[in-house]
N, C-alpha and C. Protein backbone atom coordinates (compact mmCIF):
# COMPACT_ATOMS: atom_id res chain seq x y z
N MET A 1 38.66 137.82 30.74
CA MET A 1 38.61 136.73 29.88
C MET A 1 39.40 135.30 30.20
N LYS A 2 37.78 134.12 30.05
CA LYS A 2 38.80 132.96 31.10
C LYS A 2 38.38 131.78 29.76
N CYS A 3 39.72 132.29 28.31
CA CYS A 3 39.73 131.34 27.46
C CYS A 3 40.90 132.02 26.99
N GLU A 4 41.64 130.52 26.48
CA GLU A 4 42.54 130.79 25.96
C GLU A 4 43.18 131.53 24.23
N GLU A 5 41.42 131.29 23.69
CA GLU A 5 41.23 131.06 22.06
C GLU A 5 40.30 132.73 22.26
N ALA A 6 40.46 134.11 21.43
CA ALA A 6 39.61 134.73 21.70
C ALA A 6 39.10 134.91 20.00
N VAL A 7 38.09 136.04 20.44
CA VAL A 7 38.18 136.90 18.69
C VAL A 7 37.91 138.10 18.88
N LEU A 8 39.44 139.09 18.40
CA LEU A 8 39.22 140.04 17.87
C LEU A 8 38.55 140.58 16.09
N VAL A 9 37.87 141.29 17.09
CA VAL A 9 36.74 142.85 16.13
C VAL A 9 37.96 143.72 15.54
N ARG A 10 37.88 144.23 14.39
CA ARG A 10 38.75 144.86 14.29
C ARG A 10 37.57 145.87 13.26
N ILE A 11 36.99 147.57 13.49
CA ILE A 11 36.07 148.48 13.30
C ILE A 11 36.91 149.42 12.62
N PHE A 12 36.97 149.64 11.68
CA PHE A 12 37.31 150.92 10.46
C PHE A 12 36.40 151.43 9.47
N PHE A 13 36.65 153.27 9.87
CA PHE A 13 36.11 154.54 9.71
C PHE A 13 36.93 155.16 10.25
N GLY A 14 36.43 156.05 10.27
CA GLY A 14 36.66 157.75 10.31
C GLY A 14 36.45 158.61 11.22
N GLU A 15 37.53 159.25 11.46
CA GLU A 15 37.01 159.44 12.62
C GLU A 15 35.71 160.56 12.82
N ASN A 16 35.76 161.57 11.46
CA ASN A 16 33.43 162.33 11.89
C ASN A 16 32.70 161.60 11.89
N ASP A 17 33.27 159.88 11.91
CA ASP A 17 31.21 159.08 12.33
C ASP A 17 30.53 159.53 13.57
N LYS A 18 30.10 159.72 14.05
CA LYS A 18 29.12 160.06 14.95
C LYS A 18 28.06 159.29 15.37
N HIS A 19 27.54 158.98 16.40
CA HIS A 19 26.88 158.32 16.63
C HIS A 19 25.53 158.79 17.62
N GLU A 20 24.48 159.13 17.33
CA GLU A 20 23.55 160.34 18.63
C GLU A 20 24.60 160.89 19.27
N GLY A 21 25.19 161.92 18.38
CA GLY A 21 26.44 163.12 18.49
C GLY A 21 27.33 162.90 18.98
N LYS A 22 27.39 161.57 19.74
CA LYS A 22 28.57 161.69 20.13
C LYS A 22 29.46 160.78 18.70
N PRO A 23 31.22 161.35 19.19
CA PRO A 23 31.75 159.67 18.29
C PRO A 23 32.44 158.61 18.72
N LEU A 24 31.49 158.15 17.17
CA LEU A 24 31.30 157.10 17.44
C LEU A 24 32.46 156.16 18.46
N TYR A 25 33.85 156.31 18.18
CA TYR A 25 34.74 155.48 18.95
C TYR A 25 34.20 155.23 20.14
N LYS A 26 33.98 156.13 20.79
CA LYS A 26 33.86 156.21 22.00
C LYS A 26 32.12 155.84 22.96
N TYR A 27 31.43 156.31 21.50
CA TYR A 27 30.17 155.23 21.84
C TYR A 27 30.66 153.97 21.62
N ILE A 28 30.61 153.27 20.90
CA ILE A 28 31.68 151.64 20.61
C ILE A 28 32.07 151.76 21.82
N THR A 29 32.95 152.13 22.51
CA THR A 29 34.24 151.98 23.60
C THR A 29 32.62 151.36 24.86
N GLU A 30 31.62 153.08 25.17
CA GLU A 30 30.86 152.77 25.68
C GLU A 30 30.07 151.39 26.39
N TYR A 31 29.93 151.30 24.63
CA TYR A 31 28.76 150.05 24.81
C TYR A 31 29.86 148.98 25.25
N CYS A 32 30.16 148.48 25.03
CA CYS A 32 31.00 147.34 24.95
C CYS A 32 31.84 147.87 26.42
N ARG A 33 31.94 147.95 27.67
CA ARG A 33 32.22 148.42 28.20
C ARG A 33 30.80 147.70 28.73
N GLU A 34 29.57 148.25 28.61
CA GLU A 34 28.42 148.35 29.45
C GLU A 34 27.84 146.94 28.79
N ARG A 35 28.33 146.31 28.47
CA ARG A 35 28.24 144.82 28.37
C ARG A 35 29.35 143.95 28.70
N LYS A 36 30.67 144.24 29.94
CA LYS A 36 31.27 143.60 29.62
C LYS A 36 32.38 142.73 29.34
N ILE A 37 32.13 143.85 27.69
CA ILE A 37 33.21 142.86 26.85
C ILE A 37 34.58 143.25 27.41
N ALA A 38 35.27 142.22 27.28
CA ALA A 38 37.30 142.29 28.25
C ALA A 38 38.16 143.51 27.62
N GLY A 39 38.07 143.54 26.70
CA GLY A 39 39.32 144.87 25.88
C GLY A 39 38.58 145.79 24.95
N VAL A 40 38.67 146.62 24.57
CA VAL A 40 38.59 147.67 23.66
C VAL A 40 40.10 148.60 23.54
N THR A 41 40.66 149.35 22.78
CA THR A 41 41.62 149.76 22.25
C THR A 41 41.04 150.44 20.86
N VAL A 42 40.92 152.17 21.01
CA VAL A 42 41.04 152.92 19.44
C VAL A 42 42.32 153.39 19.49
N PHE A 43 43.01 153.09 17.58
CA PHE A 43 43.70 153.38 16.96
C PHE A 43 43.36 154.98 16.15
N ARG A 44 44.21 155.95 16.32
CA ARG A 44 43.82 157.18 15.41
C ARG A 44 45.13 157.18 14.24
N GLY A 45 44.21 156.67 12.42
CA GLY A 45 45.73 156.33 12.11
C GLY A 45 46.39 158.41 11.07
N ILE A 46 47.80 157.56 10.74
CA ILE A 46 47.94 158.94 10.28
C ILE A 46 47.74 158.93 8.55
N LEU A 47 47.45 157.79 8.01
CA LEU A 47 46.85 158.21 7.05
C LEU A 47 46.52 156.79 6.37
N GLY A 48 45.09 157.30 5.28
CA GLY A 48 44.31 155.36 4.61
C GLY A 48 43.30 156.27 4.25
N TYR A 49 42.94 154.72 3.56
CA TYR A 49 42.04 155.20 2.70
C TYR A 49 40.80 153.65 2.49
N GLY A 50 39.91 154.29 2.63
CA GLY A 50 38.38 153.16 2.02
C GLY A 50 38.05 152.29 0.09
N ALA A 51 37.07 152.15 0.71
CA ALA A 51 35.67 151.83 -0.65
C ALA A 51 36.24 153.25 -0.93
N SER A 52 36.12 154.50 -0.69
CA SER A 52 35.58 156.04 -1.76
C SER A 52 36.95 155.91 -2.21
N SER A 53 38.04 155.50 -1.70
CA SER A 53 39.53 155.66 -2.36
C SER A 53 39.83 157.27 -1.71
N VAL A 54 39.13 157.33 -0.85
CA VAL A 54 39.92 159.08 -0.17
C VAL A 54 41.27 159.07 0.84
N VAL A 55 41.31 159.85 -0.14
CA VAL A 55 42.68 159.73 1.08
C VAL A 55 42.47 160.10 2.31
N HIS A 56 42.56 160.09 3.35
CA HIS A 56 42.93 160.64 4.81
C HIS A 56 43.70 160.79 5.21
N LYS A 57 43.90 161.51 5.91
CA LYS A 57 45.81 162.45 6.32
C LYS A 57 45.83 163.23 7.26
N GLY A 58 46.63 163.13 7.89
CA GLY A 58 47.31 164.69 9.04
C GLY A 58 48.75 164.86 8.38
N GLY A 59 49.10 165.93 8.30
CA GLY A 59 49.99 166.51 8.31
C GLY A 59 50.56 167.13 9.62
N ILE A 60 51.72 168.27 9.69
CA ILE A 60 52.50 168.59 10.04
C ILE A 60 51.66 170.25 10.72
N LEU A 61 51.51 170.64 9.24
CA LEU A 61 51.07 172.51 9.79
C LEU A 61 49.53 172.01 9.34
N LYS A 62 48.10 171.00 8.33
CA LYS A 62 46.89 170.73 8.74
C LYS A 62 47.04 169.73 9.15
N LEU A 63 46.53 169.02 10.75
CA LEU A 63 45.88 167.95 10.58
C LEU A 63 44.00 168.01 9.76
N SER A 64 44.41 166.71 9.27
CA SER A 64 42.05 166.11 8.91
C SER A 64 41.91 166.04 9.71
N SER A 65 40.87 166.69 9.24
CA SER A 65 39.54 166.81 10.95
C SER A 65 39.26 165.19 10.51
N ASP A 66 38.90 164.30 9.53
CA ASP A 66 38.71 162.71 9.34
C ASP A 66 39.64 162.34 9.34
N LEU A 67 40.53 161.72 10.56
CA LEU A 67 41.46 160.91 10.20
C LEU A 67 41.21 159.16 10.22
N PRO A 68 41.69 158.44 9.80
CA PRO A 68 41.28 156.86 9.92
C PRO A 68 41.45 156.36 11.53
N ILE A 69 40.29 155.54 11.76
CA ILE A 69 39.76 155.70 12.73
C ILE A 69 40.21 153.88 13.31
N VAL A 70 40.40 152.68 13.79
CA VAL A 70 40.42 151.58 13.97
C VAL A 70 39.96 151.22 15.64
N VAL A 71 39.47 150.42 15.82
CA VAL A 71 38.88 149.94 17.00
C VAL A 71 39.11 148.29 17.01
N GLU A 72 39.42 147.64 18.64
CA GLU A 72 40.40 146.73 18.34
C GLU A 72 39.40 146.02 19.45
N ILE A 73 38.28 145.25 19.19
CA ILE A 73 37.78 144.21 20.86
C ILE A 73 37.85 142.98 20.66
N ILE A 74 38.09 142.24 21.75
CA ILE A 74 38.70 141.15 22.14
C ILE A 74 38.44 140.66 23.21
N ASP A 75 37.52 139.13 22.87
CA ASP A 75 37.07 138.84 24.79
C ASP A 75 36.39 137.16 23.59
N CYS A 76 35.99 136.38 24.37
CA CYS A 76 35.45 134.98 23.79
C CYS A 76 33.84 135.30 23.19
N GLU A 77 34.09 134.15 21.95
CA GLU A 77 32.85 134.02 20.74
C GLU A 77 31.93 134.77 21.39
N GLU A 78 31.57 133.44 23.40
CA GLU A 78 30.10 133.59 23.38
C GLU A 78 30.28 135.07 23.81
N ASN A 79 31.35 136.11 24.41
CA ASN A 79 30.77 137.62 24.25
C ASN A 79 30.95 138.13 23.31
N ILE A 80 31.56 138.40 21.94
CA ILE A 80 31.61 138.93 20.75
C ILE A 80 30.32 138.74 20.28
N LYS A 81 29.81 137.39 20.09
CA LYS A 81 28.58 137.30 19.61
C LYS A 81 27.23 138.37 19.51
N PRO A 82 26.91 138.01 20.71
CA PRO A 82 25.71 139.40 20.89
C PRO A 82 25.81 140.80 20.84
N VAL A 83 27.38 141.40 20.57
CA VAL A 83 27.06 142.71 20.07
C VAL A 83 27.05 142.67 18.77
N LEU A 84 28.01 141.89 17.77
CA LEU A 84 27.86 141.83 16.53
C LEU A 84 26.76 142.80 15.78
N PRO A 85 25.72 142.37 16.16
CA PRO A 85 24.30 143.17 15.01
C PRO A 85 24.50 144.39 15.70
N GLN A 86 24.49 144.52 16.86
CA GLN A 86 24.18 146.29 17.01
C GLN A 86 26.08 147.31 16.46
N LEU A 87 27.10 146.74 16.56
CA LEU A 87 28.06 146.48 15.86
C LEU A 87 27.80 147.67 14.66
N ALA A 88 27.55 146.03 14.29
CA ALA A 88 27.02 145.99 12.17
C ALA A 88 26.42 146.86 11.95
N LYS A 89 25.07 147.21 12.39
CA LYS A 89 24.65 149.07 12.55
C LYS A 89 24.84 150.31 12.31
N LEU A 90 25.80 149.61 13.03
CA LEU A 90 26.85 151.20 13.28
C LEU A 90 27.62 151.78 11.81
N ILE A 91 28.21 150.82 11.99
CA ILE A 91 29.26 151.45 10.57
C ILE A 91 28.83 151.47 9.01
N LYS A 92 28.36 152.58 8.94
CA LYS A 92 27.68 153.45 8.08
C LYS A 92 28.85 152.49 6.66
N GLY A 93 30.11 153.27 6.54
CA GLY A 93 31.44 153.57 5.47
C GLY A 93 32.29 152.42 5.87
N GLY A 94 32.44 151.76 7.04
CA GLY A 94 33.36 151.41 7.45
C GLY A 94 33.21 149.88 7.16
N LEU A 95 34.17 149.39 7.63
CA LEU A 95 34.87 147.87 7.71
C LEU A 95 35.00 147.07 9.06
N ILE A 96 34.10 145.42 8.76
CA ILE A 96 34.48 145.09 10.39
C ILE A 96 34.98 144.27 9.80
N THR A 97 35.99 143.67 10.79
CA THR A 97 36.72 142.06 10.81
C THR A 97 36.39 141.48 11.82
N LEU A 98 36.83 140.16 11.63
CA LEU A 98 36.32 139.32 12.74
C LEU A 98 38.01 138.43 12.42
N GLU A 99 38.63 138.18 13.74
CA GLU A 99 39.84 136.61 13.26
C GLU A 99 39.69 136.19 14.46
N LYS A 100 39.75 134.61 14.73
CA LYS A 100 40.35 133.98 15.90
C LYS A 100 41.46 134.50 16.11
N VAL A 101 42.12 134.49 17.50
CA VAL A 101 43.68 134.82 18.24
C VAL A 101 43.37 133.94 19.61
N LYS A 102 44.17 133.56 19.56
CA LYS A 102 45.87 132.89 20.81
C LYS A 102 45.74 134.11 21.86
N VAL A 103 45.40 133.89 23.33
CA VAL A 103 45.45 134.47 24.38
C VAL A 103 47.26 134.13 25.17
N LEU A 104 47.40 134.99 25.50
CA LEU A 104 49.07 133.99 26.01
C LEU A 104 48.66 135.40 27.01
N ARG A 105 48.99 134.13 28.03
CA ARG A 105 49.26 134.85 29.87
C ARG A 105 50.07 134.73 30.44
N PRO A 106 50.82 135.49 31.66
CA PRO A 106 51.75 135.17 31.78
C PRO A 106 51.64 134.47 33.29
N PRO A 107 53.37 134.08 33.46
CA PRO A 107 52.85 132.86 34.63
C PRO A 107 52.43 133.60 35.69
């Protein structure tokens, strides 16, 4: 990434969400990698809810099979813009947020 400013995309959905039979978080990661997006990280939540107000949680004795997932994608705006339409098509019951961020590079 050759920019000081970047765009951070956060995508929120459930662990059970799939695309073409593949976990959605894996599909999104592969999709971005093929398009040479600078970085993608997937987080699995332990508790959360969305528009449906259904609480998804994990526990010691019983793990939910639909824990919250957050995928963070970062790159320059000109690299992010072309992938946003496809990402929007993939997210059925989730949420996508965008924010401009400053990238600090070690000397």
